[in-house]
Structures are given as C-alpha cells and as structure tokens.
Amino acid sequence: MFERLRAAVHAALDAATPPSDWRDLAGQMRRAAVDGRAAVMKLRDGLAQTERELAIEGRHLEDARRRGSMAESIGDGETSEVAGRFVAKHAERVSVLEQKLAAQRAELALAEREVGEMVGQLKELELRGGVPSSGPGPVAAQLEADEGEALGAEMDRAARDAAADAALRELKKRMGK
C-alpha cells in the first residue's frame, strides 16, 4: 500500500539529503501518514460493515434452516425443498463474508503496521534533520493536529449521515411504510 513512499523515504535518508530538503520531505511524509491513518479508519469502517453483514446473513441462514426443519416435520416437501435452496444460498454467502472478513482483518493489520512504520520513519527523518525530540515533538503535534482535522471531518460526515437516516425513517413513518 505504501511501498513507493517507504522506498522514497529510505532513498532520501540514505542519500543524506541537505537540511533544507528535510522539511519538504517531512511535510510530504506527514501528509502520507495522515492519509494512511485516514485509510486505516476507512478499513476499520469496512470491517465493521462486513461484521454487520455477516451477522445478518447468519440470522438468515438460521431462519432458513429452522423453516426447513419445520416444513420437514409437517411433511411439506415443496417448502422443505425451497428452504434447502435458501440454506445453501445463505451458507455460501456466510462463507464468502467470513473470507472477506479475514482478508479485511489482514489488510487492516498490514495498513496499521505500515502507518506505524511511516510515523517512525518520519520521526527518524526529523531527528536527522536536527529537529529536537524532547516532549511531544513536531511530528507528534502535526500528526495529532492533522488527524484531529480528519477525525472532525469524519465525525461531521457521520453526523450528517445519521441525521439523513433519521429524517428518512421519519418520512417513511409518516408515509406509513
């Protein structure tokens, strides 16, 4: 995901870039780290969405199994056959969602590791550039500020989405749906 950035950082560090270029490189790396953290937040959201989908699909699978059992117990062959098809469909969907969930967890772990490496490299770059490291340094302060802005924007979007969902539910309720 961040291979090109990592390679560029290593090349810059190895080439002993003059101090005037450190600030520019550090700025680029800060932006990449903030983008990486935003990507991690999106991956977490996607993971949570898949978990919700899996829970719903699991309930559908259990419902189909229960209906099939009930149809068999009363000797309704046609309903039992239909329920069997639904069981197969939902079981396949559950399997696919479980695989998706595993892949998303692996991707999230990878992205978190890469973002952590980027932040570490950024700190190293700033230390090599002569930036003091005592207390919360410029890297931590800048990333915190940038992440705060990104988080604020994400929260604003989430609040707007929630308000729109509430308005839609209210409208449906009024329309009797």
N, C-alpha and C. Protein backbone atom coordinates (compact mmCIF):
# COMPACT_ATOMS: atom_id res chain seq x y z
N MET A 1 0.81 -1.18 0.00
CA MET A 1 0.00 0.00 0.00
C MET A 1 0.86 1.26 0.00
N PHE A 2 1.89 1.27 0.81
CA PHE A 2 2.73 2.44 0.93
C PHE A 2 4.17 2.14 0.51
N GLU A 3 4.35 1.16 -0.35
CA GLU A 3 5.69 0.72 -0.72
C GLU A 3 6.51 1.82 -1.39
N ARG A 4 5.90 2.57 -2.31
CA ARG A 4 6.65 3.62 -3.01
C ARG A 4 7.09 4.70 -2.04
N LEU A 5 6.22 5.07 -1.11
CA LEU A 5 6.59 6.08 -0.13
C LEU A 5 7.74 5.60 0.74
N ARG A 6 7.65 4.36 1.19
CA ARG A 6 8.69 3.80 2.03
C ARG A 6 10.03 3.78 1.27
N ALA A 7 10.00 3.40 0.02
CA ALA A 7 11.22 3.37 -0.79
C ALA A 7 11.79 4.77 -0.95
N ALA A 8 10.92 5.75 -1.16
CA ALA A 8 11.38 7.13 -1.31
C ALA A 8 12.01 7.65 -0.02
N VAL A 9 11.41 7.30 1.09
CA VAL A 9 11.95 7.73 2.38
C VAL A 9 13.33 7.12 2.61
N HIS A 10 13.43 5.81 2.36
CA HIS A 10 14.73 5.15 2.55
C HIS A 10 15.78 5.76 1.62
N ALA A 11 15.41 6.03 0.40
CA ALA A 11 16.37 6.62 -0.56
C ALA A 11 16.80 8.00 -0.08
N ALA A 12 15.86 8.77 0.43
CA ALA A 12 16.20 10.11 0.91
C ALA A 12 17.10 10.04 2.14
N LEU A 13 16.80 9.14 3.04
CA LEU A 13 17.64 9.01 4.24
C LEU A 13 19.03 8.52 3.88
N ASP A 14 19.10 7.58 2.95
CA ASP A 14 20.39 7.04 2.56
C ASP A 14 21.23 8.05 1.80
N ALA A 15 20.58 8.94 1.08
CA ALA A 15 21.31 9.92 0.28
C ALA A 15 21.77 11.11 1.11
N ALA A 16 21.42 11.14 2.39
CA ALA A 16 21.79 12.24 3.27
C ALA A 16 21.41 13.59 2.66
N THR A 17 20.15 13.77 2.45
CA THR A 17 19.60 14.97 1.86
C THR A 17 19.99 16.19 2.68
N PRO A 18 20.33 17.29 2.04
CA PRO A 18 20.68 18.51 2.77
C PRO A 18 19.52 18.97 3.66
N PRO A 19 19.83 19.63 4.77
CA PRO A 19 18.79 20.02 5.72
C PRO A 19 17.64 20.82 5.12
N SER A 20 17.86 21.63 4.10
CA SER A 20 16.78 22.43 3.53
C SER A 20 15.70 21.54 2.89
N ASP A 21 16.09 20.34 2.42
CA ASP A 21 15.12 19.43 1.81
C ASP A 21 14.40 18.57 2.84
N TRP A 22 14.93 18.51 4.06
CA TRP A 22 14.32 17.69 5.09
C TRP A 22 12.90 18.14 5.39
N ARG A 23 12.72 19.45 5.47
CA ARG A 23 11.39 19.97 5.81
C ARG A 23 10.37 19.61 4.74
N ASP A 24 10.76 19.73 3.47
CA ASP A 24 9.86 19.37 2.39
C ASP A 24 9.51 17.89 2.44
N LEU A 25 10.53 17.07 2.63
CA LEU A 25 10.31 15.63 2.70
C LEU A 25 9.46 15.28 3.92
N ALA A 26 9.73 15.93 5.03
CA ALA A 26 8.95 15.69 6.25
C ALA A 26 7.49 16.08 6.03
N GLY A 27 7.26 17.18 5.32
CA GLY A 27 5.89 17.60 5.03
C GLY A 27 5.16 16.57 4.17
N GLN A 28 5.86 16.04 3.18
CA GLN A 28 5.26 15.01 2.33
C GLN A 28 4.95 13.75 3.15
N MET A 29 5.88 13.42 4.02
CA MET A 29 5.67 12.22 4.84
C MET A 29 4.53 12.42 5.83
N ARG A 30 4.39 13.64 6.39
CA ARG A 30 3.27 13.91 7.30
C ARG A 30 1.95 13.72 6.57
N ARG A 31 1.87 14.27 5.35
CA ARG A 31 0.63 14.12 4.57
C ARG A 31 0.36 12.65 4.29
N ALA A 32 1.40 11.91 3.95
CA ALA A 32 1.22 10.47 3.67
C ALA A 32 0.78 9.73 4.93
N ALA A 33 1.34 10.10 6.08
CA ALA A 33 0.95 9.45 7.34
C ALA A 33 -0.51 9.76 7.68
N VAL A 34 -0.92 11.00 7.47
CA VAL A 34 -2.32 11.37 7.73
C VAL A 34 -3.23 10.63 6.76
N ASP A 35 -2.83 10.57 5.49
CA ASP A 35 -3.63 9.81 4.50
C ASP A 35 -3.69 8.34 4.90
N GLY A 36 -2.58 7.81 5.39
CA GLY A 36 -2.55 6.42 5.83
C GLY A 36 -3.48 6.19 7.01
N ARG A 37 -3.50 7.11 7.94
CA ARG A 37 -4.40 6.97 9.09
C ARG A 37 -5.85 7.07 8.66
N ALA A 38 -6.13 7.94 7.69
CA ALA A 38 -7.50 8.04 7.16
C ALA A 38 -7.87 6.72 6.48
N ALA A 39 -6.93 6.13 5.76
CA ALA A 39 -7.18 4.85 5.09
C ALA A 39 -7.45 3.76 6.13
N VAL A 40 -6.73 3.79 7.24
CA VAL A 40 -6.94 2.82 8.31
C VAL A 40 -8.34 2.98 8.89
N MET A 41 -8.78 4.23 9.06
CA MET A 41 -10.14 4.46 9.58
C MET A 41 -11.18 3.90 8.61
N LYS A 42 -10.96 4.07 7.32
CA LYS A 42 -11.90 3.53 6.33
C LYS A 42 -11.89 2.01 6.34
N LEU A 43 -10.71 1.42 6.51
CA LEU A 43 -10.63 -0.03 6.59
C LEU A 43 -11.39 -0.54 7.82
N ARG A 44 -11.26 0.16 8.93
CA ARG A 44 -12.00 -0.23 10.13
C ARG A 44 -13.50 -0.14 9.90
N ASP A 45 -13.93 0.93 9.22
CA ASP A 45 -15.36 1.07 8.91
C ASP A 45 -15.83 -0.08 8.02
N GLY A 46 -15.04 -0.42 7.02
CA GLY A 46 -15.39 -1.53 6.13
C GLY A 46 -15.46 -2.85 6.87
N LEU A 47 -14.54 -3.05 7.79
CA LEU A 47 -14.53 -4.26 8.60
C LEU A 47 -15.79 -4.33 9.46
N ALA A 48 -16.16 -3.23 10.07
CA ALA A 48 -17.37 -3.21 10.90
C ALA A 48 -18.60 -3.48 10.05
N GLN A 49 -18.64 -2.93 8.84
CA GLN A 49 -19.77 -3.16 7.94
C GLN A 49 -19.87 -4.64 7.57
N THR A 50 -18.74 -5.26 7.27
CA THR A 50 -18.75 -6.68 6.93
C THR A 50 -19.19 -7.53 8.12
N GLU A 51 -18.78 -7.16 9.32
CA GLU A 51 -19.22 -7.88 10.51
C GLU A 51 -20.73 -7.80 10.67
N ARG A 52 -21.30 -6.60 10.41
CA ARG A 52 -22.76 -6.46 10.49
C ARG A 52 -23.45 -7.31 9.43
N GLU A 53 -22.91 -7.29 8.19
CA GLU A 53 -23.49 -8.09 7.11
C GLU A 53 -23.44 -9.58 7.44
N LEU A 54 -22.32 -10.01 8.03
CA LEU A 54 -22.17 -11.41 8.41
C LEU A 54 -23.19 -11.80 9.47
N ALA A 55 -23.41 -10.95 10.45
CA ALA A 55 -24.39 -11.24 11.50
C ALA A 55 -25.79 -11.37 10.90
N ILE A 56 -26.13 -10.47 10.00
CA ILE A 56 -27.45 -10.52 9.36
C ILE A 56 -27.59 -11.78 8.53
N GLU A 57 -26.57 -12.09 7.76
CA GLU A 57 -26.62 -13.28 6.90
C GLU A 57 -26.68 -14.55 7.74
N GLY A 58 -26.00 -14.55 8.88
CA GLY A 58 -26.06 -15.70 9.79
C GLY A 58 -27.47 -15.91 10.31
N ARG A 59 -28.14 -14.80 10.62
CA ARG A 59 -29.54 -14.92 11.08
C ARG A 59 -30.43 -15.46 9.96
N HIS A 60 -30.19 -14.99 8.73
CA HIS A 60 -30.97 -15.50 7.59
C HIS A 60 -30.74 -17.00 7.41
N LEU A 61 -29.51 -17.44 7.57
CA LEU A 61 -29.18 -18.85 7.44
C LEU A 61 -29.93 -19.67 8.51
N GLU A 62 -29.88 -19.20 9.73
CA GLU A 62 -30.57 -19.91 10.81
C GLU A 62 -32.08 -19.94 10.57
N ASP A 63 -32.64 -18.83 10.09
CA ASP A 63 -34.08 -18.80 9.78
C ASP A 63 -34.42 -19.82 8.71
N ALA A 64 -33.60 -19.88 7.66
CA ALA A 64 -33.87 -20.83 6.57
C ALA A 64 -33.77 -22.27 7.08
N ARG A 65 -32.80 -22.54 7.93
CA ARG A 65 -32.68 -23.89 8.50
C ARG A 65 -33.90 -24.23 9.35
N ARG A 66 -34.32 -23.28 10.17
CA ARG A 66 -35.48 -23.51 11.03
C ARG A 66 -36.74 -23.75 10.19
N ARG A 67 -36.92 -22.95 9.17
CA ARG A 67 -38.09 -23.13 8.32
C ARG A 67 -38.06 -24.47 7.60
N GLY A 68 -36.88 -24.86 7.15
CA GLY A 68 -36.74 -26.17 6.50
C GLY A 68 -37.09 -27.30 7.44
N SER A 69 -36.63 -27.20 8.68
CA SER A 69 -36.94 -28.23 9.68
C SER A 69 -38.43 -28.29 9.96
N MET A 70 -39.04 -27.13 10.07
CA MET A 70 -40.48 -27.09 10.32
C MET A 70 -41.25 -27.69 9.14
N ALA A 71 -40.83 -27.38 7.93
CA ALA A 71 -41.52 -27.91 6.74
C ALA A 71 -41.37 -29.43 6.68
N GLU A 72 -40.17 -29.92 7.02
CA GLU A 72 -39.95 -31.37 7.03
C GLU A 72 -40.81 -32.05 8.10
N SER A 73 -40.94 -31.40 9.25
CA SER A 73 -41.69 -32.02 10.35
C SER A 73 -43.18 -32.14 10.04
N ILE A 74 -43.68 -31.26 9.17
CA ILE A 74 -45.11 -31.37 8.82
C ILE A 74 -45.31 -32.06 7.47
N GLY A 75 -44.21 -32.51 6.86
CA GLY A 75 -44.30 -33.25 5.62
C GLY A 75 -44.55 -32.40 4.39
N ASP A 76 -44.16 -31.13 4.44
CA ASP A 76 -44.32 -30.23 3.29
C ASP A 76 -43.04 -30.28 2.45
N GLY A 77 -43.03 -31.17 1.47
CA GLY A 77 -41.83 -31.39 0.65
C GLY A 77 -41.43 -30.19 -0.18
N GLU A 78 -42.40 -29.50 -0.75
CA GLU A 78 -42.09 -28.35 -1.61
C GLU A 78 -41.44 -27.23 -0.80
N THR A 79 -42.02 -26.89 0.34
CA THR A 79 -41.45 -25.84 1.20
C THR A 79 -40.09 -26.28 1.72
N SER A 80 -39.94 -27.53 2.04
CA SER A 80 -38.67 -28.06 2.51
C SER A 80 -37.59 -27.91 1.44
N GLU A 81 -37.96 -28.19 0.19
CA GLU A 81 -37.01 -28.05 -0.92
C GLU A 81 -36.60 -26.59 -1.11
N VAL A 82 -37.58 -25.68 -1.07
CA VAL A 82 -37.28 -24.25 -1.21
C VAL A 82 -36.37 -23.81 -0.06
N ALA A 83 -36.68 -24.24 1.15
CA ALA A 83 -35.86 -23.88 2.31
C ALA A 83 -34.43 -24.42 2.14
N GLY A 84 -34.29 -25.59 1.57
CA GLY A 84 -32.97 -26.16 1.32
C GLY A 84 -32.15 -25.29 0.38
N ARG A 85 -32.81 -24.76 -0.65
CA ARG A 85 -32.11 -23.86 -1.58
C ARG A 85 -31.68 -22.58 -0.86
N PHE A 86 -32.55 -22.07 0.01
CA PHE A 86 -32.20 -20.86 0.75
C PHE A 86 -31.07 -21.14 1.74
N VAL A 87 -31.07 -22.29 2.35
CA VAL A 87 -29.99 -22.66 3.27
C VAL A 87 -28.67 -22.67 2.51
N ALA A 88 -28.67 -23.28 1.33
CA ALA A 88 -27.44 -23.34 0.53
C ALA A 88 -26.98 -21.94 0.14
N LYS A 89 -27.92 -21.10 -0.28
CA LYS A 89 -27.59 -19.73 -0.69
C LYS A 89 -26.99 -18.94 0.48
N HIS A 90 -27.65 -18.99 1.63
CA HIS A 90 -27.17 -18.23 2.79
C HIS A 90 -25.87 -18.81 3.34
N ALA A 91 -25.71 -20.13 3.31
CA ALA A 91 -24.46 -20.75 3.77
C ALA A 91 -23.29 -20.30 2.90
N GLU A 92 -23.52 -20.24 1.60
CA GLU A 92 -22.46 -19.78 0.69
C GLU A 92 -22.11 -18.32 0.98
N ARG A 93 -23.14 -17.51 1.18
CA ARG A 93 -22.92 -16.08 1.46
C ARG A 93 -22.17 -15.91 2.78
N VAL A 94 -22.52 -16.68 3.80
CA VAL A 94 -21.80 -16.62 5.08
C VAL A 94 -20.33 -16.99 4.87
N SER A 95 -20.08 -18.02 4.10
CA SER A 95 -18.71 -18.44 3.83
C SER A 95 -17.91 -17.33 3.14
N VAL A 96 -18.52 -16.71 2.15
CA VAL A 96 -17.85 -15.62 1.43
C VAL A 96 -17.58 -14.44 2.36
N LEU A 97 -18.55 -14.09 3.19
CA LEU A 97 -18.37 -12.97 4.12
C LEU A 97 -17.30 -13.28 5.17
N GLU A 98 -17.21 -14.53 5.60
CA GLU A 98 -16.15 -14.91 6.55
C GLU A 98 -14.78 -14.76 5.91
N GLN A 99 -14.66 -15.16 4.65
CA GLN A 99 -13.39 -14.99 3.93
C GLN A 99 -13.07 -13.51 3.76
N LYS A 100 -14.09 -12.72 3.42
CA LYS A 100 -13.91 -11.28 3.25
C LYS A 100 -13.44 -10.65 4.56
N LEU A 101 -14.06 -11.07 5.65
CA LEU A 101 -13.71 -10.54 6.97
C LEU A 101 -12.26 -10.87 7.32
N ALA A 102 -11.85 -12.08 7.04
CA ALA A 102 -10.46 -12.46 7.31
C ALA A 102 -9.49 -11.62 6.47
N ALA A 103 -9.83 -11.40 5.22
CA ALA A 103 -8.98 -10.59 4.35
C ALA A 103 -8.93 -9.14 4.83
N GLN A 104 -10.08 -8.61 5.24
CA GLN A 104 -10.11 -7.24 5.73
C GLN A 104 -9.29 -7.09 7.02
N ARG A 105 -9.36 -8.08 7.90
CA ARG A 105 -8.57 -8.02 9.14
C ARG A 105 -7.08 -8.04 8.82
N ALA A 106 -6.69 -8.87 7.87
CA ALA A 106 -5.27 -8.93 7.47
C ALA A 106 -4.84 -7.61 6.83
N GLU A 107 -5.70 -7.05 5.99
CA GLU A 107 -5.38 -5.78 5.34
C GLU A 107 -5.27 -4.65 6.37
N LEU A 108 -6.16 -4.65 7.34
CA LEU A 108 -6.12 -3.63 8.39
C LEU A 108 -4.83 -3.74 9.20
N ALA A 109 -4.46 -4.96 9.57
CA ALA A 109 -3.23 -5.15 10.33
C ALA A 109 -2.02 -4.67 9.54
N LEU A 110 -2.00 -4.98 8.26
CA LEU A 110 -0.90 -4.54 7.39
C LEU A 110 -0.85 -3.02 7.32
N ALA A 111 -2.00 -2.39 7.10
CA ALA A 111 -2.05 -0.93 6.99
C ALA A 111 -1.63 -0.26 8.29
N GLU A 112 -2.10 -0.79 9.43
CA GLU A 112 -1.70 -0.22 10.71
C GLU A 112 -0.19 -0.33 10.92
N ARG A 113 0.36 -1.47 10.55
CA ARG A 113 1.81 -1.66 10.67
C ARG A 113 2.56 -0.67 9.77
N GLU A 114 2.08 -0.50 8.54
CA GLU A 114 2.75 0.41 7.61
C GLU A 114 2.66 1.86 8.07
N VAL A 115 1.51 2.26 8.60
CA VAL A 115 1.37 3.62 9.10
C VAL A 115 2.31 3.82 10.29
N GLY A 116 2.39 2.84 11.16
CA GLY A 116 3.32 2.93 12.29
C GLY A 116 4.76 3.07 11.82
N GLU A 117 5.12 2.32 10.78
CA GLU A 117 6.47 2.44 10.23
C GLU A 117 6.70 3.83 9.63
N MET A 118 5.68 4.35 8.94
CA MET A 118 5.82 5.68 8.36
C MET A 118 6.04 6.73 9.44
N VAL A 119 5.28 6.65 10.52
CA VAL A 119 5.43 7.61 11.61
C VAL A 119 6.83 7.48 12.21
N GLY A 120 7.28 6.25 12.40
CA GLY A 120 8.65 6.04 12.91
C GLY A 120 9.70 6.61 11.98
N GLN A 121 9.53 6.40 10.69
CA GLN A 121 10.48 6.94 9.72
C GLN A 121 10.44 8.47 9.69
N LEU A 122 9.25 9.02 9.84
CA LEU A 122 9.11 10.47 9.87
C LEU A 122 9.83 11.03 11.09
N LYS A 123 9.69 10.39 12.22
CA LYS A 123 10.39 10.84 13.42
C LYS A 123 11.90 10.76 13.22
N GLU A 124 12.34 9.65 12.62
CA GLU A 124 13.77 9.50 12.35
C GLU A 124 14.26 10.58 11.39
N LEU A 125 13.48 10.87 10.38
CA LEU A 125 13.85 11.90 9.42
C LEU A 125 13.98 13.25 10.10
N GLU A 126 13.04 13.57 10.95
CA GLU A 126 13.10 14.86 11.62
C GLU A 126 14.26 14.92 12.61
N LEU A 127 14.57 13.77 13.23
CA LEU A 127 15.73 13.75 14.13
C LEU A 127 17.01 13.96 13.35
N ARG A 128 17.12 13.34 12.20
CA ARG A 128 18.31 13.53 11.36
C ARG A 128 18.39 14.94 10.83
N GLY A 129 17.24 15.58 10.68
CA GLY A 129 17.22 16.95 10.18
C GLY A 129 17.49 17.97 11.27
N GLY A 130 17.75 17.49 12.48
CA GLY A 130 18.10 18.40 13.56
C GLY A 130 16.91 18.89 14.36
N VAL A 131 15.75 18.29 14.17
CA VAL A 131 14.57 18.70 14.92
C VAL A 131 14.65 18.07 16.30
N PRO A 132 14.48 18.84 17.38
CA PRO A 132 14.57 18.28 18.72
C PRO A 132 13.46 17.26 18.97
N SER A 133 13.76 16.28 19.83
CA SER A 133 12.79 15.22 20.08
C SER A 133 12.22 15.25 21.49
N SER A 134 12.59 16.24 22.32
CA SER A 134 12.08 16.24 23.70
C SER A 134 10.60 16.58 23.72
N GLY A 135 9.85 15.84 24.54
CA GLY A 135 8.41 16.07 24.65
C GLY A 135 7.71 15.69 23.36
N PRO A 136 6.45 16.09 23.25
CA PRO A 136 5.76 15.80 22.00
C PRO A 136 6.33 16.70 20.91
N GLY A 137 7.13 16.12 20.05
CA GLY A 137 7.81 16.87 19.02
C GLY A 137 6.90 17.31 17.90
N PRO A 138 7.49 17.96 16.89
CA PRO A 138 6.71 18.45 15.77
C PRO A 138 5.96 17.34 15.03
N VAL A 139 6.56 16.17 14.98
CA VAL A 139 5.90 15.06 14.28
C VAL A 139 4.61 14.71 14.99
N ALA A 140 4.70 14.49 16.29
CA ALA A 140 3.51 14.10 17.05
C ALA A 140 2.47 15.21 17.03
N ALA A 141 2.93 16.45 17.22
CA ALA A 141 1.98 17.57 17.25
C ALA A 141 1.30 17.75 15.90
N GLN A 142 2.06 17.70 14.83
CA GLN A 142 1.48 17.88 13.50
C GLN A 142 0.53 16.74 13.15
N LEU A 143 0.96 15.51 13.42
CA LEU A 143 0.09 14.37 13.12
C LEU A 143 -1.18 14.43 13.95
N GLU A 144 -1.04 14.83 15.20
CA GLU A 144 -2.22 14.94 16.05
C GLU A 144 -3.18 16.00 15.52
N ALA A 145 -2.64 17.14 15.10
CA ALA A 145 -3.48 18.21 14.55
C ALA A 145 -4.14 17.76 13.25
N ASP A 146 -3.34 17.16 12.36
CA ASP A 146 -3.88 16.69 11.08
C ASP A 146 -4.92 15.61 11.30
N GLU A 147 -4.63 14.68 12.23
CA GLU A 147 -5.57 13.60 12.50
C GLU A 147 -6.84 14.15 13.14
N GLY A 148 -6.68 15.17 13.99
CA GLY A 148 -7.85 15.80 14.60
C GLY A 148 -8.75 16.42 13.55
N GLU A 149 -8.15 17.08 12.55
CA GLU A 149 -8.94 17.64 11.45
C GLU A 149 -9.65 16.54 10.68
N ALA A 150 -8.92 15.48 10.35
CA ALA A 150 -9.52 14.38 9.59
C ALA A 150 -10.62 13.71 10.39
N LEU A 151 -10.40 13.52 11.69
CA LEU A 151 -11.40 12.90 12.54
C LEU A 151 -12.62 13.80 12.66
N GLY A 152 -12.39 15.11 12.79
CA GLY A 152 -13.51 16.05 12.86
C GLY A 152 -14.35 16.01 11.59
N ALA A 153 -13.69 15.97 10.45
CA ALA A 153 -14.41 15.88 9.18
C ALA A 153 -15.19 14.57 9.10
N GLU A 154 -14.58 13.49 9.56
CA GLU A 154 -15.24 12.18 9.54
C GLU A 154 -16.45 12.19 10.47
N MET A 155 -16.30 12.81 11.64
CA MET A 155 -17.41 12.88 12.59
C MET A 155 -18.54 13.74 12.02
N ASP A 156 -18.18 14.84 11.34
CA ASP A 156 -19.20 15.69 10.72
C ASP A 156 -19.97 14.90 9.68
N ARG A 157 -19.26 14.13 8.87
CA ARG A 157 -19.90 13.31 7.84
C ARG A 157 -20.82 12.28 8.49
N ALA A 158 -20.33 11.64 9.54
CA ALA A 158 -21.14 10.64 10.24
C ALA A 158 -22.39 11.27 10.85
N ALA A 159 -22.26 12.48 11.40
CA ALA A 159 -23.42 13.16 11.98
C ALA A 159 -24.42 13.52 10.89
N ARG A 160 -23.94 13.97 9.74
CA ARG A 160 -24.84 14.29 8.63
C ARG A 160 -25.55 13.04 8.14
N ASP A 161 -24.80 11.94 8.04
CA ASP A 161 -25.40 10.67 7.60
C ASP A 161 -26.47 10.21 8.59
N ALA A 162 -26.17 10.32 9.88
CA ALA A 162 -27.14 9.91 10.90
C ALA A 162 -28.39 10.78 10.84
N ALA A 163 -28.21 12.09 10.64
CA ALA A 163 -29.36 12.99 10.54
C ALA A 163 -30.20 12.66 9.31
N ALA A 164 -29.54 12.36 8.21
CA ALA A 164 -30.27 12.00 6.99
C ALA A 164 -31.03 10.69 7.18
N ASP A 165 -30.40 9.72 7.84
CA ASP A 165 -31.08 8.45 8.11
C ASP A 165 -32.30 8.66 9.00
N ALA A 166 -32.16 9.50 10.02
CA ALA A 166 -33.28 9.78 10.92
C ALA A 166 -34.42 10.46 10.17
N ALA A 167 -34.07 11.42 9.31
CA ALA A 167 -35.08 12.11 8.53
C ALA A 167 -35.79 11.14 7.58
N LEU A 168 -35.03 10.23 6.99
CA LEU A 168 -35.63 9.24 6.09
C LEU A 168 -36.57 8.31 6.85
N ARG A 169 -36.14 7.85 8.03
CA ARG A 169 -37.02 6.99 8.84
C ARG A 169 -38.32 7.72 9.20
N GLU A 170 -38.18 8.99 9.58
CA GLU A 170 -39.36 9.78 9.94
C GLU A 170 -40.29 9.94 8.74
N LEU A 171 -39.73 10.20 7.59
CA LEU A 171 -40.53 10.35 6.37
C LEU A 171 -41.25 9.04 6.03
N LYS A 172 -40.55 7.91 6.15
CA LYS A 172 -41.16 6.61 5.88
C LYS A 172 -42.29 6.34 6.88
N LYS A 173 -42.05 6.72 8.13
CA LYS A 173 -43.06 6.51 9.17
C LYS A 173 -44.32 7.32 8.84
N ARG A 174 -44.11 8.55 8.40
CA ARG A 174 -45.25 9.40 8.06
C ARG A 174 -46.01 8.86 6.86
N MET A 175 -45.27 8.26 5.92
CA MET A 175 -45.90 7.73 4.72
C MET A 175 -46.51 6.35 4.96
N GLY A 176 -46.27 5.81 6.14
CA GLY A 176 -46.84 4.52 6.50
C GLY A 176 -46.10 3.34 5.93
N LYS A 177 -44.83 3.49 5.69
CA LYS A 177 -44.04 2.38 5.14
C LYS A 177 -43.11 1.84 6.16
